[in-house]
Amino acid sequence: MKKTIFGNVKMVAKAGSDKERKLKSQIRKQKKLIKELKNTIRIYAPYMKFSNE
């Protein structure tokens, strides 16, 4: 009985950590994409300003 409880807890904990890891990796990817977007905007911003005026 005790063994199964501890086994279930371990499995649940492992599943939770896997989900967290996936979420963290997704957040990291999104941050990377945002950073790349900001860099491209910074490069093209002057040209965009000139085109707007």
C-alpha atoms as a PDB file:
ATOM      1  CA  MET A   1       0.000   0.000   0.000  1.00  0.00           C
ATOM      2  CA  LYS A   2       2.700   2.488   0.987  1.00  0.00           C
ATOM      3  CA  LYS A   3       4.777   1.578  -2.048  1.00  0.00           C
ATOM      4  CA  THR A   4       1.910   2.301  -4.466  1.00  0.00           C
ATOM      5  CA  ILE A   5       1.208   5.668  -2.802  1.00  0.00           C
ATOM      6  CA  PHE A   6       4.847   6.716  -3.060  1.00  0.00           C
ATOM      7  CA  GLY A   7       4.983   5.407  -6.629  1.00  0.00           C
ATOM      8  CA  ASN A   8       1.918   7.458  -7.584  1.00  0.00           C
ATOM      9  CA  VAL A   9       3.361  10.558  -5.925  1.00  0.00           C
ATOM     10  CA  LYS A  10       6.617  10.104  -7.841  1.00  0.00           C
ATOM     11  CA  MET A  11       4.739   9.663 -11.117  1.00  0.00           C
ATOM     12  CA  VAL A  12       2.618  12.750 -10.481  1.00  0.00           C
ATOM     13  CA  ALA A  13       5.696  14.763  -9.532  1.00  0.00           C
ATOM     14  CA  LYS A  14       7.489  13.595 -12.664  1.00  0.00           C
ATOM     15  CA  ALA A  15       4.495  14.490 -14.856  1.00  0.00           C
ATOM     16  CA  GLY A  16       4.380  17.930 -13.239  1.00  0.00           C
ATOM     17  CA  SER A  17       8.072  18.541 -13.836  1.00  0.00           C
ATOM     18  CA  ASP A  18       7.717  17.430 -17.465  1.00  0.00           C
ATOM     19  CA  LYS A  19       4.858  19.894 -17.976  1.00  0.00           C
ATOM     20  CA  GLU A  20       6.836  22.662 -16.284  1.00  0.00           C
ATOM     21  CA  ARG A  21       9.859  21.882 -18.450  1.00  0.00           C
ATOM     22  CA  LYS A  22       7.725  22.088 -21.599  1.00  0.00           C
ATOM     23  CA  LEU A  23       6.167  25.367 -20.461  1.00  0.00           C
ATOM     24  CA  LYS A  24       9.567  26.837 -19.617  1.00  0.00           C
ATOM     25  CA  SER A  25      10.982  25.825 -22.996  1.00  0.00           C
ATOM     26  CA  GLN A  26       7.941  27.374 -24.753  1.00  0.00           C
ATOM     27  CA  ILE A  27       8.374  30.607 -22.779  1.00  0.00           C
ATOM     28  CA  ARG A  28      12.088  30.629 -23.643  1.00  0.00           C
ATOM     29  CA  LYS A  29      11.277  30.185 -27.350  1.00  0.00           C
ATOM     30  CA  GLN A  30       8.698  32.981 -27.225  1.00  0.00           C
ATOM     31  CA  LYS A  31      11.168  35.315 -25.482  1.00  0.00           C
ATOM     32  CA  LYS A  32      13.753  34.489 -28.155  1.00  0.00           C
ATOM     33  CA  LEU A  33      11.235  35.253 -30.919  1.00  0.00           C
ATOM     34  CA  ILE A  34      10.264  38.541 -29.255  1.00  0.00           C
ATOM     35  CA  LYS A  35      13.936  39.494 -28.938  1.00  0.00           C
ATOM     36  CA  GLU A  36      14.487  38.747 -32.654  1.00  0.00           C
ATOM     37  CA  LEU A  37      11.397  40.787 -33.571  1.00  0.00           C
ATOM     38  CA  LYS A  38      12.611  43.733 -31.510  1.00  0.00           C
ATOM     39  CA  ASN A  39      16.017  43.551 -33.199  1.00  0.00           C
ATOM     40  CA  THR A  40      14.464  43.533 -36.670  1.00  0.00           C
ATOM     41  CA  ILE A  41      12.179  46.440 -35.709  1.00  0.00           C
ATOM     42  CA  ARG A  42      15.186  48.373 -34.399  1.00  0.00           C
ATOM     43  CA  ILE A  43      16.959  47.795 -37.739  1.00  0.00           C
ATOM     44  CA  TYR A  44      13.975  48.805 -39.874  1.00  0.00           C
ATOM     45  CA  ALA A  45      12.515  51.503 -37.580  1.00  0.00           C
ATOM     46  CA  PRO A  46      14.432  54.441 -39.170  1.00  0.00           C
ATOM     47  CA  TYR A  47      13.319  53.436 -42.667  1.00  0.00           C
ATOM     48  CA  MET A  48       9.718  53.050 -41.444  1.00  0.00           C
ATOM     49  CA  LYS A  49       9.820  56.502 -39.863  1.00  0.00           C
ATOM     50  CA  PHE A  50      11.084  58.030 -43.095  1.00  0.00           C
ATOM     51  CA  SER A  51       8.393  56.246 -45.100  1.00  0.00           C
ATOM     52  CA  ASN A  52       5.701  57.505 -42.685  1.00  0.00           C
ATOM     53  CA  GLU A  53       6.805  61.155 -43.043  1.00  0.00           C
END
